[in-house]
C-alpha atoms as a PDB file:
ATOM      1  CA  MET A   1       0.000   0.000   0.000  1.00  0.00           C
ATOM      2  CA  SER A   2       1.295   3.447  -0.873  1.00  0.00           C
ATOM      3  CA  SER A   3       2.289   5.623   2.085  1.00  0.00           C
ATOM      4  CA  ARG A   4       1.650   8.804   0.133  1.00  0.00           C
ATOM      5  CA  ARG A   5      -0.649  11.218   1.897  1.00  0.00           C
ATOM      6  CA  PRO A   6      -4.030  11.474   0.126  1.00  0.00           C
ATOM      7  CA  ARG A   7      -4.874  14.590  -1.805  1.00  0.00           C
ATOM      8  CA  SER A   8      -5.805  17.450   0.500  1.00  0.00           C
ATOM      9  CA  PRO A   9      -9.545  17.774   1.018  1.00  0.00           C
ATOM     10  CA  GLY A  10     -11.274  20.432  -0.983  1.00  0.00           C
ATOM     11  CA  VAL A  11     -13.887  22.786   0.318  1.00  0.00           C
ATOM     12  CA  ALA A  12     -17.152  24.004  -1.092  1.00  0.00           C
ATOM     13  CA  LYS A  13     -16.828  26.390  -4.005  1.00  0.00           C
ATOM     14  CA  THR A  14     -18.516  29.061  -1.920  1.00  0.00           C
ATOM     15  CA  LEU A  15     -18.473  28.655   1.842  1.00  0.00           C
ATOM     16  CA  THR A  16     -21.644  29.159   3.831  1.00  0.00           C
ATOM     17  CA  ASN A  17     -21.761  28.621   7.585  1.00  0.00           C
ATOM     18  CA  ASP A  18     -22.148  24.861   7.130  1.00  0.00           C
ATOM     19  CA  PRO A  19     -19.192  23.044   8.726  1.00  0.00           C
ATOM     20  CA  VAL A  20     -16.789  21.419   6.273  1.00  0.00           C
ATOM     21  CA  TRP A  21     -14.759  19.160   8.556  1.00  0.00           C
ATOM     22  CA  THR A  22     -17.737  17.059   9.689  1.00  0.00           C
ATOM     23  CA  GLY A  23     -18.271  15.915   6.101  1.00  0.00           C
ATOM     24  CA  LEU A  24     -14.701  14.647   5.657  1.00  0.00           C
ATOM     25  CA  SER A  25     -13.534  11.068   6.040  1.00  0.00           C
ATOM     26  CA  LEU A  26     -11.548  10.237   9.185  1.00  0.00           C
ATOM     27  CA  GLN A  27      -8.384  10.097   7.106  1.00  0.00           C
ATOM     28  CA  MET A  28      -9.038  13.489   5.547  1.00  0.00           C
ATOM     29  CA  ARG A  29      -9.645  15.032   8.960  1.00  0.00           C
ATOM     30  CA  GLN A  30      -6.008  14.545   9.894  1.00  0.00           C
ATOM     31  CA  GLY A  31      -4.625  17.965   9.166  1.00  0.00           C
ATOM     32  CA  PHE A  32      -7.634  20.277   8.871  1.00  0.00           C
ATOM     33  CA  GLN A  33      -8.839  23.481  10.481  1.00  0.00           C
ATOM     34  CA  GLU A  34     -11.971  25.566  10.311  1.00  0.00           C
ATOM     35  CA  THR A  35     -12.896  28.976  11.680  1.00  0.00           C
ATOM     36  CA  TRP A  36     -16.000  31.114  11.948  1.00  0.00           C
ATOM     37  CA  TYR A  37     -15.419  34.675  13.133  1.00  0.00           C
ATOM     38  CA  LEU A  38     -17.348  37.878  13.751  1.00  0.00           C
ATOM     39  CA  LYS A  39     -16.279  41.467  14.212  1.00  0.00           C
ATOM     40  CA  LEU A  40     -18.416  44.386  15.345  1.00  0.00           C
ATOM     41  CA  ASN A  41     -17.704  48.053  16.047  1.00  0.00           C
ATOM     42  CA  ASP A  42     -19.744  50.101  18.492  1.00  0.00           C
ATOM     43  CA  LEU A  43     -19.024  53.517  16.987  1.00  0.00           C
ATOM     44  CA  LYS A  44     -20.612  55.544  19.766  1.00  0.00           C
ATOM     45  CA  GLY A  45     -18.805  53.638  22.511  1.00  0.00           C
ATOM     46  CA  GLN A  46     -15.475  53.526  20.627  1.00  0.00           C
ATOM     47  CA  ARG A  47     -15.180  49.806  21.208  1.00  0.00           C
ATOM     48  CA  ALA A  48     -14.964  46.671  19.101  1.00  0.00           C
ATOM     49  CA  LEU A  49     -15.579  42.983  19.727  1.00  0.00           C
ATOM     50  CA  TRP A  50     -13.989  40.058  17.877  1.00  0.00           C
ATOM     51  CA  ILE A  51     -15.308  36.501  18.335  1.00  0.00           C
ATOM     52  CA  ARG A  52     -13.759  33.321  16.922  1.00  0.00           C
ATOM     53  CA  PHE A  53     -15.069  29.743  16.779  1.00  0.00           C
ATOM     54  CA  HIS A  54     -12.201  27.441  15.813  1.00  0.00           C
ATOM     55  CA  ILE A  55     -11.603  23.762  15.016  1.00  0.00           C
ATOM     56  CA  LEU A  56      -8.067  22.300  14.882  1.00  0.00           C
ATOM     57  CA  LEU A  57      -7.329  18.734  13.798  1.00  0.00           C
ATOM     58  CA  SER A  58      -3.571  18.278  13.744  1.00  0.00           C
ATOM     59  CA  ARG A  59      -1.847  16.348  11.010  1.00  0.00           C
ATOM     60  CA  ASN A  60      -0.309  13.895  13.489  1.00  0.00           C
ATOM     61  CA  GLY A  61      -3.731  13.177  14.990  1.00  0.00           C
ATOM     62  CA  PHE A  62      -2.827  14.212  18.538  1.00  0.00           C
ATOM     63  CA  ARG A  63      -4.615  17.571  18.621  1.00  0.00           C
ATOM     64  CA  LYS A  64      -8.384  17.510  18.165  1.00  0.00           C
ATOM     65  CA  VAL A  65      -9.729  20.653  19.752  1.00  0.00           C
ATOM     66  CA  ALA A  66     -12.616  23.088  19.526  1.00  0.00           C
ATOM     67  CA  GLU A  67     -11.879  26.607  20.748  1.00  0.00           C
ATOM     68  CA  THR A  68     -13.659  29.881  21.419  1.00  0.00           C
ATOM     69  CA  TRP A  69     -11.777  33.187  21.358  1.00  0.00           C
ATOM     70  CA  CYS A  70     -12.908  36.715  22.191  1.00  0.00           C
ATOM     71  CA  VAL A  71     -11.174  40.101  22.303  1.00  0.00           C
ATOM     72  CA  LEU A  72     -12.796  43.335  23.461  1.00  0.00           C
ATOM     73  CA  PHE A  73     -11.081  46.556  22.338  1.00  0.00           C
ATOM     74  CA  GLN A  74     -12.017  49.707  24.272  1.00  0.00           C
ATOM     75  CA  ARG A  75     -10.580  53.139  23.498  1.00  0.00           C
ATOM     76  CA  MET A  76     -10.038  55.121  26.674  1.00  0.00           C
ATOM     77  CA  GLU A  77     -10.147  58.895  27.218  1.00  0.00           C
ATOM     78  CA  ASN A  78      -6.352  59.138  26.868  1.00  0.00           C
ATOM     79  CA  ARG A  79      -6.629  57.431  23.435  1.00  0.00           C
ATOM     80  CA  GLU A  80      -5.016  54.250  24.745  1.00  0.00           C
ATOM     81  CA  ILE A  81      -6.827  51.033  23.856  1.00  0.00           C
ATOM     82  CA  GLN A  82      -7.671  48.577  26.604  1.00  0.00           C
ATOM     83  CA  LYS A  83      -7.806  44.976  25.381  1.00  0.00           C
ATOM     84  CA  THR A  84      -9.477  42.074  27.152  1.00  0.00           C
ATOM     85  CA  ALA A  85      -8.529  38.807  25.429  1.00  0.00           C
ATOM     86  CA  LEU A  86      -9.733  35.344  26.470  1.00  0.00           C
ATOM     87  CA  LYS A  87      -9.984  31.888  24.934  1.00  0.00           C
ATOM     88  CA  GLN A  88     -11.132  28.440  25.974  1.00  0.00           C
ATOM     89  CA  SER A  89     -10.133  25.071  24.522  1.00  0.00           C
ATOM     90  CA  PHE A  90     -12.273  21.943  24.550  1.00  0.00           C
ATOM     91  CA  ASP A  91     -12.142  18.434  23.192  1.00  0.00           C
ATOM     92  CA  ILE A  92     -13.532  18.244  19.664  1.00  0.00           C
ATOM     93  CA  SER A  93     -16.591  16.439  21.053  1.00  0.00           C
ATOM     94  CA  ARG A  94     -17.813  19.801  22.427  1.00  0.00           C
ATOM     95  CA  PHE A  95     -18.474  20.995  18.869  1.00  0.00           C
ATOM     96  CA  SER A  96     -21.983  20.517  17.507  1.00  0.00           C
ATOM     97  CA  SER A  97     -23.918  21.666  14.465  1.00  0.00           C
ATOM     98  CA  GLN A  98     -27.595  21.516  13.635  1.00  0.00           C
ATOM     99  CA  LYS A  99     -30.162  22.988  11.277  1.00  0.00           C
ATOM    100  CA  ILE A 100     -32.901  25.136  12.792  1.00  0.00           C
ATOM    101  CA  ASP A 101     -35.534  26.363  10.331  1.00  0.00           C
ATOM    102  CA  GLY A 102     -33.118  25.448   7.540  1.00  0.00           C
ATOM    103  CA  ARG A 103     -30.277  27.557   8.946  1.00  0.00           C
ATOM    104  CA  THR A 104     -27.012  26.311  10.400  1.00  0.00           C
ATOM    105  CA  VAL A 105     -26.329  26.766  14.107  1.00  0.00           C
ATOM    106  CA  ILE A 106     -22.923  25.804  15.490  1.00  0.00           C
ATOM    107  CA  GLN A 107     -21.946  25.483  19.141  1.00  0.00           C
ATOM    108  CA  ILE A 108     -18.676  25.087  21.038  1.00  0.00           C
ATOM    109  CA  GLY A 109     -19.034  24.831  24.807  1.00  0.00           C
ATOM    110  CA  ASP A 110     -21.305  27.670  25.920  1.00  0.00           C
ATOM    111  CA  CYS A 111     -20.843  29.665  22.701  1.00  0.00           C
ATOM    112  CA  VAL A 112     -23.355  29.587  19.846  1.00  0.00           C
ATOM    113  CA  LEU A 113     -23.424  31.093  16.348  1.00  0.00           C
ATOM    114  CA  GLY A 114     -26.557  31.130  14.222  1.00  0.00           C
ATOM    115  CA  ALA A 115     -27.553  32.821  10.984  1.00  0.00           C
ATOM    116  CA  ASN A 116     -28.693  35.976  12.786  1.00  0.00           C
ATOM    117  CA  PHE A 117     -27.523  35.645  16.392  1.00  0.00           C
ATOM    118  CA  THR A 118     -24.582  34.755  18.594  1.00  0.00           C
ATOM    119  CA  LYS A 119     -24.252  34.333  22.324  1.00  0.00           C
ATOM    120  CA  GLY A 120     -21.647  32.873  24.577  1.00  0.00           C
ATOM    121  CA  MET A 121     -19.419  32.963  27.596  1.00  0.00           C
ATOM    122  CA  ILE A 122     -15.660  32.457  27.899  1.00  0.00           C
ATOM    123  CA  GLN A 123     -13.947  32.051  31.256  1.00  0.00           C
ATOM    124  CA  SER A 124     -10.170  32.182  31.556  1.00  0.00           C
ATOM    125  CA  LYS A 125      -7.415  33.860  33.570  1.00  0.00           C
ATOM    126  CA  GLY A 126      -9.899  34.601  36.350  1.00  0.00           C
ATOM    127  CA  LYS A 127     -12.020  36.735  34.015  1.00  0.00           C
ATOM    128  CA  THR A 128     -15.276  36.219  32.154  1.00  0.00           C
ATOM    129  CA  ILE A 129     -16.568  37.664  28.882  1.00  0.00           C
ATOM    130  CA  GLU A 130     -20.193  37.134  27.892  1.00  0.00           C
ATOM    131  CA  TRP A 131     -22.057  38.344  24.833  1.00  0.00           C
ATOM    132  CA  ASP A 132     -25.565  38.102  23.423  1.00  0.00           C
ATOM    133  CA  PHE A 133     -26.258  39.641  20.002  1.00  0.00           C
ATOM    134  CA  LYS A 134     -28.774  39.563  17.211  1.00  0.00           C
ATOM    135  CA  PHE A 135     -27.651  40.807  13.809  1.00  0.00           C
ATOM    136  CA  GLU A 136     -29.034  41.412  10.338  1.00  0.00           C
ATOM    137  CA  PRO A 137     -27.614  42.366   6.935  1.00  0.00           C
ATOM    138  CA  ILE A 138     -27.959  45.958   5.757  1.00  0.00           C
ATOM    139  CA  GLN A 139     -26.647  45.350   2.239  1.00  0.00           C
ATOM    140  CA  ALA A 140     -26.075  42.031   0.489  1.00  0.00           C
ATOM    141  CA  SER A 141     -22.314  41.691   0.796  1.00  0.00           C
ATOM    142  CA  LYS A 142     -20.762  38.256   0.291  1.00  0.00           C
ATOM    143  CA  PHE A 143     -17.293  37.684  -1.055  1.00  0.00           C
ATOM    144  CA  GLU A 144     -14.850  34.839  -1.671  1.00  0.00           C
ATOM    145  CA  LEU A 145     -11.582  36.091  -0.191  1.00  0.00           C
ATOM    146  CA  LEU A 146      -9.770  32.907  -1.233  1.00  0.00           C
ATOM    147  CA  PRO A 147     -11.524  31.225  -4.159  1.00  0.00           C
ATOM    148  CA  GLU A 148     -11.205  27.476  -4.707  1.00  0.00           C
ATOM    149  CA  TYR A 149      -8.968  27.828  -7.769  1.00  0.00           C
ATOM    150  CA  LEU A 150      -6.113  29.104  -5.594  1.00  0.00           C
ATOM    151  CA  ALA A 151      -6.268  25.900  -3.559  1.00  0.00           C
ATOM    152  CA  LYS A 152      -6.315  23.814  -6.745  1.00  0.00           C
ATOM    153  CA  MET A 153      -3.154  25.607  -7.851  1.00  0.00           C
ATOM    154  CA  LYS A 154      -1.689  24.859  -4.383  1.00  0.00           C
ATOM    155  CA  MET A 155      -0.820  28.524  -3.927  1.00  0.00           C
ATOM    156  CA  VAL A 156      -2.891  28.570  -0.737  1.00  0.00           C
ATOM    157  CA  ARG A 157      -4.522  25.664   1.072  1.00  0.00           C
ATOM    158  CA  THR A 158      -7.483  27.417   2.660  1.00  0.00           C
ATOM    159  CA  ALA A 159     -10.756  28.739   1.280  1.00  0.00           C
ATOM    160  CA  ALA A 160     -12.222  31.846   2.906  1.00  0.00           C
ATOM    161  CA  ALA A 161     -15.520  33.614   2.367  1.00  0.00           C
ATOM    162  CA  THR A 162     -17.307  36.537   3.956  1.00  0.00           C
ATOM    163  CA  VAL A 163     -20.825  35.340   4.718  1.00  0.00           C
ATOM    164  CA  GLY A 164     -22.058  38.793   5.718  1.00  0.00           C
ATOM    165  CA  GLY A 165     -19.930  41.848   5.037  1.00  0.00           C
ATOM    166  CA  ASP A 166     -22.328  44.582   6.174  1.00  0.00           C
ATOM    167  CA  LEU A 167     -24.188  43.569   9.329  1.00  0.00           C
ATOM    168  CA  ARG A 168     -25.793  45.505  12.181  1.00  0.00           C
ATOM    169  CA  PHE A 169     -25.609  44.146  15.732  1.00  0.00           C
ATOM    170  CA  ASP A 170     -27.785  44.796  18.775  1.00  0.00           C
ATOM    171  CA  GLY A 171     -27.152  43.234  22.160  1.00  0.00           C
ATOM    172  CA  THR A 172     -24.890  43.171  25.181  1.00  0.00           C
ATOM    173  CA  ILE A 173     -21.285  42.548  26.199  1.00  0.00           C
ATOM    174  CA  GLN A 174     -20.383  41.739  29.789  1.00  0.00           C
ATOM    175  CA  VAL A 175     -16.864  41.652  31.243  1.00  0.00           C
ATOM    176  CA  ASP A 176     -17.061  40.199  34.754  1.00  0.00           C
ATOM    177  CA  SER A 177     -19.810  42.295  36.393  1.00  0.00           C
ATOM    178  CA  ALA A 178     -19.677  45.242  33.953  1.00  0.00           C
ATOM    179  CA  LYS A 179     -22.449  45.013  31.351  1.00  0.00           C
ATOM    180  CA  ILE A 180     -22.488  47.116  28.182  1.00  0.00           C
ATOM    181  CA  SER A 181     -25.497  47.607  25.896  1.00  0.00           C
ATOM    182  CA  VAL A 182     -24.736  47.984  22.203  1.00  0.00           C
ATOM    183  CA  GLU A 183     -27.101  49.249  19.504  1.00  0.00           C
ATOM    184  CA  ASN A 184     -26.661  49.367  15.744  1.00  0.00           C
ATOM    185  CA  ALA A 185     -23.014  48.292  15.795  1.00  0.00           C
ATOM    186  CA  VAL A 186     -21.471  47.743  12.362  1.00  0.00           C
ATOM    187  CA  GLY A 187     -19.779  44.458  11.603  1.00  0.00           C
ATOM    188  CA  MET A 188     -19.267  41.310   9.588  1.00  0.00           C
ATOM    189  CA  GLN A 189     -19.065  37.513   9.769  1.00  0.00           C
ATOM    190  CA  ALA A 190     -16.824  35.149   7.816  1.00  0.00           C
ATOM    191  CA  HIS A 191     -15.857  31.488   7.509  1.00  0.00           C
ATOM    192  CA  LEU A 192     -12.639  29.767   6.455  1.00  0.00           C
ATOM    193  CA  ALA A 193     -11.587  26.132   6.154  1.00  0.00           C
ATOM    194  CA  GLY A 194      -8.680  24.108   4.822  1.00  0.00           C
ATOM    195  CA  PRO A 195      -5.767  21.787   5.550  1.00  0.00           C
ATOM    196  CA  LYS A 196      -3.091  24.427   6.136  1.00  0.00           C
ATOM    197  CA  SER A 197      -2.661  28.118   6.888  1.00  0.00           C
ATOM    198  CA  ALA A 198      -0.864  30.459   4.531  1.00  0.00           C
ATOM    199  CA  HIS A 199       2.671  31.616   5.254  1.00  0.00           C
ATOM    200  CA  SER A 200       1.628  35.177   6.140  1.00  0.00           C
ATOM    201  CA  TRP A 201      -1.039  37.749   5.381  1.00  0.00           C
ATOM    202  CA  ALA A 202      -2.579  41.165   5.980  1.00  0.00           C
ATOM    203  CA  TRP A 203      -6.356  41.486   6.232  1.00  0.00           C
ATOM    204  CA  GLY A 204      -8.725  44.391   6.645  1.00  0.00           C
ATOM    205  CA  HIS A 205     -12.435  45.156   6.735  1.00  0.00           C
ATOM    206  CA  CYS A 206     -14.616  48.207   7.242  1.00  0.00           C
ATOM    207  CA  SER A 207     -18.269  49.066   6.627  1.00  0.00           C
ATOM    208  CA  SER A 208     -18.427  52.480   8.303  1.00  0.00           C
ATOM    209  CA  PHE A 209     -17.297  55.452   6.206  1.00  0.00           C
ATOM    210  CA  VAL A 210     -18.069  59.149   5.890  1.00  0.00           C
ATOM    211  CA  ASN A 211     -17.540  61.415   2.881  1.00  0.00           C
ATOM    212  CA  GLU A 212     -15.915  64.850   2.669  1.00  0.00           C
ATOM    213  CA  GLN A 213     -19.063  66.393   4.200  1.00  0.00           C
ATOM    214  CA  LYS A 214     -18.840  63.981   7.192  1.00  0.00           C
ATOM    215  CA  GLN A 215     -22.002  62.236   6.025  1.00  0.00           C
ATOM    216  CA  PRO A 216     -22.263  58.425   6.389  1.00  0.00           C
ATOM    217  CA  VAL A 217     -21.809  56.553   3.110  1.00  0.00           C
ATOM    218  CA  PRO A 218     -22.920  52.922   2.509  1.00  0.00           C
ATOM    219  CA  PHE A 219     -19.488  51.681   1.417  1.00  0.00           C
ATOM    220  CA  VAL A 220     -17.931  48.308   2.295  1.00  0.00           C
ATOM    221  CA  PHE A 221     -14.264  47.356   2.036  1.00  0.00           C
ATOM    222  CA  GLU A 222     -12.528  44.044   2.559  1.00  0.00           C
ATOM    223  CA  GLY A 223      -9.028  43.083   1.512  1.00  0.00           C
ATOM    224  CA  LEU A 224      -6.525  40.269   1.889  1.00  0.00           C
ATOM    225  CA  SER A 225      -2.873  40.254   0.865  1.00  0.00           C
ATOM    226  CA  ILE A 226      -1.374  36.818   1.349  1.00  0.00           C
ATOM    227  CA  ARG A 227       1.670  34.658   0.736  1.00  0.00           C
ATOM    228  CA  GLY A 228       1.059  30.927   0.531  1.00  0.00           C
ATOM    229  CA  ARG A 229       3.428  28.128   1.482  1.00  0.00           C
ATOM    230  CA  ILE A 230       4.574  26.299  -1.644  1.00  0.00           C
ATOM    231  CA  ALA A 231       6.956  24.169   0.418  1.00  0.00           C
ATOM    232  CA  THR A 232       8.278  24.268   3.973  1.00  0.00           C
ATOM    233  CA  TYR A 233      10.685  27.123   3.266  1.00  0.00           C
ATOM    234  CA  LEU A 234       9.234  28.589   0.062  1.00  0.00           C
ATOM    235  CA  LYS A 235       6.667  31.371  -0.113  1.00  0.00           C
ATOM    236  CA  SER A 236       4.337  32.062  -3.021  1.00  0.00           C
ATOM    237  CA  PRO A 237       4.259  35.479  -4.687  1.00  0.00           C
ATOM    238  CA  ARG A 238       2.046  37.996  -2.908  1.00  0.00           C
ATOM    239  CA  LEU A 239      -1.597  37.430  -3.856  1.00  0.00           C
ATOM    240  CA  SER A 240      -4.148  40.135  -3.079  1.00  0.00           C
ATOM    241  CA  THR A 241      -7.934  40.026  -3.253  1.00  0.00           C
ATOM    242  CA  PHE A 242     -10.221  42.998  -2.629  1.00  0.00           C
ATOM    243  CA  TYR A 243     -13.931  43.699  -2.352  1.00  0.00           C
ATOM    244  CA  PHE A 244     -15.633  47.091  -2.568  1.00  0.00           C
ATOM    245  CA  LEU A 245     -19.368  47.782  -2.347  1.00  0.00           C
ATOM    246  CA  TYR A 246     -19.771  51.247  -3.837  1.00  0.00           C
ATOM    247  CA  GLN A 247     -22.977  53.005  -4.880  1.00  0.00           C
ATOM    248  CA  GLY A 248     -24.881  49.730  -4.550  1.00  0.00           C
ATOM    249  CA  LYS A 249     -22.547  47.813  -6.862  1.00  0.00           C
ATOM    250  CA  SER A 250     -20.078  45.090  -5.881  1.00  0.00           C
ATOM    251  CA  TYR A 251     -16.540  45.220  -7.250  1.00  0.00           C
ATOM    252  CA  GLU A 252     -14.783  41.904  -6.668  1.00  0.00           C
ATOM    253  CA  PHE A 253     -11.066  41.589  -7.329  1.00  0.00           C
ATOM    254  CA  ASN A 254     -10.479  37.875  -6.741  1.00  0.00           C
ATOM    255  CA  ARG A 255      -9.688  36.393 -10.138  1.00  0.00           C
ATOM    256  CA  LEU A 256      -6.148  35.143 -10.740  1.00  0.00           C
ATOM    257  CA  TRP A 257      -5.300  38.166 -12.884  1.00  0.00           C
ATOM    258  CA  ASP A 258      -6.624  40.446 -10.129  1.00  0.00           C
ATOM    259  CA  THR A 259      -4.525  38.769  -7.417  1.00  0.00           C
ATOM    260  CA  LEU A 260      -1.336  39.375  -9.369  1.00  0.00           C
ATOM    261  CA  ARG A 261      -2.173  42.804 -10.807  1.00  0.00           C
ATOM    262  CA  THR A 262      -3.466  44.677  -7.768  1.00  0.00           C
ATOM    263  CA  ARG A 263      -0.889  46.654  -5.824  1.00  0.00           C
ATOM    264  CA  SER A 264      -0.487  46.035  -2.118  1.00  0.00           C
ATOM    265  CA  GLU A 265       2.269  46.895   0.358  1.00  0.00           C
ATOM    266  CA  ASN A 266       2.076  46.775   4.121  1.00  0.00           C
ATOM    267  CA  THR A 267       4.051  47.105   7.322  1.00  0.00           C
ATOM    268  CA  LEU A 268       2.602  46.359  10.730  1.00  0.00           C
ATOM    269  CA  THR A 269       1.130  49.848  11.056  1.00  0.00           C
ATOM    270  CA  ASP A 270       0.401  50.804   7.419  1.00  0.00           C
ATOM    271  CA  TRP A 271      -1.255  49.194   4.414  1.00  0.00           C
ATOM    272  CA  GLU A 272      -1.482  50.851   1.009  1.00  0.00           C
ATOM    273  CA  PHE A 273      -3.220  49.263  -1.965  1.00  0.00           C
ATOM    274  CA  GLN A 274      -4.710  49.968  -5.374  1.00  0.00           C
ATOM    275  CA  ALA A 275      -7.230  47.945  -7.386  1.00  0.00           C
ATOM    276  CA  ASP A 276      -8.224  49.013 -10.914  1.00  0.00           C
ATOM    277  CA  ARG A 277     -10.907  47.770 -13.282  1.00  0.00           C
ATOM    278  CA  GLY A 278     -12.041  49.540 -16.412  1.00  0.00           C
ATOM    279  CA  ASP A 279     -12.479  53.235 -15.701  1.00  0.00           C
ATOM    280  CA  ILE A 280     -12.663  52.889 -11.902  1.00  0.00           C
ATOM    281  CA  SER A 281      -9.785  52.780  -9.432  1.00  0.00           C
ATOM    282  CA  PHE A 282      -9.922  52.156  -5.675  1.00  0.00           C
ATOM    283  CA  ARG A 283      -6.929  53.331  -3.675  1.00  0.00           C
ATOM    284  CA  GLY A 284      -6.657  52.870   0.059  1.00  0.00           C
ATOM    285  CA  HIS A 285      -4.486  53.494   3.095  1.00  0.00           C
ATOM    286  CA  VAL A 286      -5.002  51.788   6.467  1.00  0.00           C
ATOM    287  CA  THR A 287      -3.121  53.142   9.489  1.00  0.00           C
ATOM    288  CA  ALA A 288      -2.747  52.074  13.107  1.00  0.00           C
ATOM    289  CA  GLN A 289      -0.367  52.569  16.001  1.00  0.00           C
ATOM    290  CA  LEU A 290       1.575  49.754  17.645  1.00  0.00           C
ATOM    291  CA  ARG A 291      -0.318  50.277  20.888  1.00  0.00           C
ATOM    292  CA  ASP A 292      -3.592  49.571  19.047  1.00  0.00           C
ATOM    293  CA  PHE A 293      -2.744  45.901  18.440  1.00  0.00           C
ATOM    294  CA  VAL A 294      -3.301  42.764  20.458  1.00  0.00           C
ATOM    295  CA  GLY A 295      -0.969  39.813  19.872  1.00  0.00           C
ATOM    296  CA  MET A 296      -2.321  36.276  19.387  1.00  0.00           C
ATOM    297  CA  THR A 297      -0.720  32.915  18.624  1.00  0.00           C
ATOM    298  CA  TYR A 298      -2.311  30.601  16.061  1.00  0.00           C
ATOM    299  CA  GLU A 299      -1.355  26.944  15.709  1.00  0.00           C
ATOM    300  CA  ASP A 300      -1.207  25.414  12.226  1.00  0.00           C
ATOM    301  CA  THR A 301      -2.158  21.822  11.466  1.00  0.00           C
ATOM    302  CA  ASP A 302       1.515  20.771  11.291  1.00  0.00           C
ATOM    303  CA  GLY A 303       2.241  22.210  14.743  1.00  0.00           C
ATOM    304  CA  SER A 304       3.980  25.356  13.473  1.00  0.00           C
ATOM    305  CA  LEU A 305       2.957  28.708  14.937  1.00  0.00           C
ATOM    306  CA  LEU A 306       1.764  31.989  13.476  1.00  0.00           C
ATOM    307  CA  TYR A 307       1.651  35.324  15.263  1.00  0.00           C
ATOM    308  CA  CYS A 308      -1.249  37.675  14.602  1.00  0.00           C
ATOM    309  CA  ALA A 309      -1.209  41.379  15.477  1.00  0.00           C
ATOM    310  CA  ALA A 310      -4.826  42.539  15.362  1.00  0.00           C
ATOM    311  CA  SER A 311      -6.446  45.947  15.672  1.00  0.00           C
ATOM    312  CA  LYS A 312     -10.169  46.575  15.311  1.00  0.00           C
ATOM    313  CA  LEU A 313     -10.015  50.353  15.888  1.00  0.00           C
ATOM    314  CA  SER A 314      -7.759  51.419  13.019  1.00  0.00           C
ATOM    315  CA  ASP A 315      -8.200  54.326  10.579  1.00  0.00           C
ATOM    316  CA  MET A 316      -8.655  54.156   6.829  1.00  0.00           C
ATOM    317  CA  THR A 317      -8.961  56.423   3.798  1.00  0.00           C
ATOM    318  CA  ILE A 318     -10.365  55.306   0.432  1.00  0.00           C
ATOM    319  CA  TRP A 319      -9.988  57.363  -2.747  1.00  0.00           C
ATOM    320  CA  VAL A 320     -12.242  56.442  -5.668  1.00  0.00           C
ATOM    321  CA  TYR A 321     -11.063  57.565  -9.108  1.00  0.00           C
ATOM    322  CA  ARG A 322     -13.137  57.512 -12.302  1.00  0.00           C
ATOM    323  CA  ARG A 323     -11.290  57.861 -15.622  1.00  0.00           C
ATOM    324  CA  GLY A 324      -8.272  59.118 -13.716  1.00  0.00           C
ATOM    325  CA  LYS A 325     -10.203  61.843 -11.874  1.00  0.00           C
ATOM    326  CA  LEU A 326     -10.872  61.772  -8.136  1.00  0.00           C
ATOM    327  CA  GLU A 327     -14.584  61.074  -7.624  1.00  0.00           C
ATOM    328  CA  THR A 328     -14.810  60.835  -3.842  1.00  0.00           C
ATOM    329  CA  THR A 329     -12.773  60.471  -0.665  1.00  0.00           C
ATOM    330  CA  LEU A 330     -14.101  58.270   2.137  1.00  0.00           C
ATOM    331  CA  LYS A 331     -12.768  57.995   5.672  1.00  0.00           C
ATOM    332  CA  SER A 332     -13.121  55.598   8.564  1.00  0.00           C
ATOM    333  CA  GLN A 333     -11.885  56.821  11.928  1.00  0.00           C
ATOM    334  CA  GLY A 334     -11.364  54.099  14.507  1.00  0.00           C
ATOM    335  CA  SER A 335     -13.651  51.498  12.916  1.00  0.00           C
ATOM    336  CA  THR A 336     -11.385  49.513  10.572  1.00  0.00           C
ATOM    337  CA  ALA A 337     -10.194  45.988  11.307  1.00  0.00           C
ATOM    338  CA  PHE A 338      -6.518  45.499  10.424  1.00  0.00           C
ATOM    339  CA  GLU A 339      -4.555  42.304  11.027  1.00  0.00           C
ATOM    340  CA  VAL A 340      -0.997  41.320  10.147  1.00  0.00           C
ATOM    341  CA  THR A 341      -0.049  37.662  10.614  1.00  0.00           C
ATOM    342  CA  SER A 342       3.380  36.124  10.091  1.00  0.00           C
ATOM    343  CA  ARG A 343       5.633  33.241  11.136  1.00  0.00           C
ATOM    344  CA  THR A 344       7.788  35.454  13.357  1.00  0.00           C
ATOM    345  CA  LYS A 345       6.896  37.261  16.566  1.00  0.00           C
ATOM    346  CA  ASN A 346       6.652  41.012  16.509  1.00  0.00           C
ATOM    347  CA  PRO A 347       8.747  42.342  19.409  1.00  0.00           C
ATOM    348  CA  TYR A 348       6.558  45.449  19.704  1.00  0.00           C
ATOM    349  CA  VAL A 349       3.216  43.659  20.170  1.00  0.00           C
ATOM    350  CA  PRO A 350       2.897  41.627  23.395  1.00  0.00           C
ATOM    351  CA  LEU A 351       1.096  38.306  23.071  1.00  0.00           C
ATOM    352  CA  ALA A 352      -2.215  38.188  24.945  1.00  0.00           C
ATOM    353  CA  LEU A 353      -3.283  34.755  23.678  1.00  0.00           C
END
């Protein structure tokens, strides 16, 4: 019998919230991970909440865990950002999934995610975070960040899709005994699955912008600039995918030609990009300060580690050009998600998880 590892499992062409790993054979489950995550910004309260439901099945078969993660970002009066970061790990048996009224509901421990609600509690480090939210889409905004063809080309090994890119959340957050009510918070929810993480990436999202007259504009941005792992020590070229919802129209830059043609450069605190199609050009600049980030450690299916520096209260400017002429300038102040993940620790961002 051949000892060659079977071909890596594929994922659905377009991810929904249905779990992928439960449909795989036992052999295919060795070396697979799956994540559902949400992000919301309470603009009035200058705070943001990030929630992560995560499955890790290690390649060697020893690690089979279901995890819940949560980070609360709160900007203080002195402009410093207070971060409360907790996670809990369980045996994989604590994961469950069911259909209720035709919609998927997943649960890990005390944490639940449905099509239009999430609630949960995480206890760790002597602290407790609880949340209870209902949410609904404002604009139809779904996007394949990592289409299946990239996995087929073995440039990346994970598929990723934004299930809802422009959501509004109402509910509560509680840290220990302090309870916070949140109304009309802007946010998103996404899902990713695959046998291996990329080598490194930068990711951003925002659905809260104002124009030059300080008036709210229904504009949505999401972007990913990624390097895959071709082999243990080889990185793929930088591949970038972008999504813009502008004036009610979706502009998706996720074809192979787009991933190679779009311009994208980032450091930990800056990200500049440009995506052109026909007579329209989107140019953007995301900025953050080192103190804005929380550091987190992700484990890959082969046991290697990645280090994520995440901010959910970053700033962003978008310039939209039409036929080479500036059409509008849009700004987000303190409501942009910005993450930079790599295989090396950043000495300036302490690890909280």
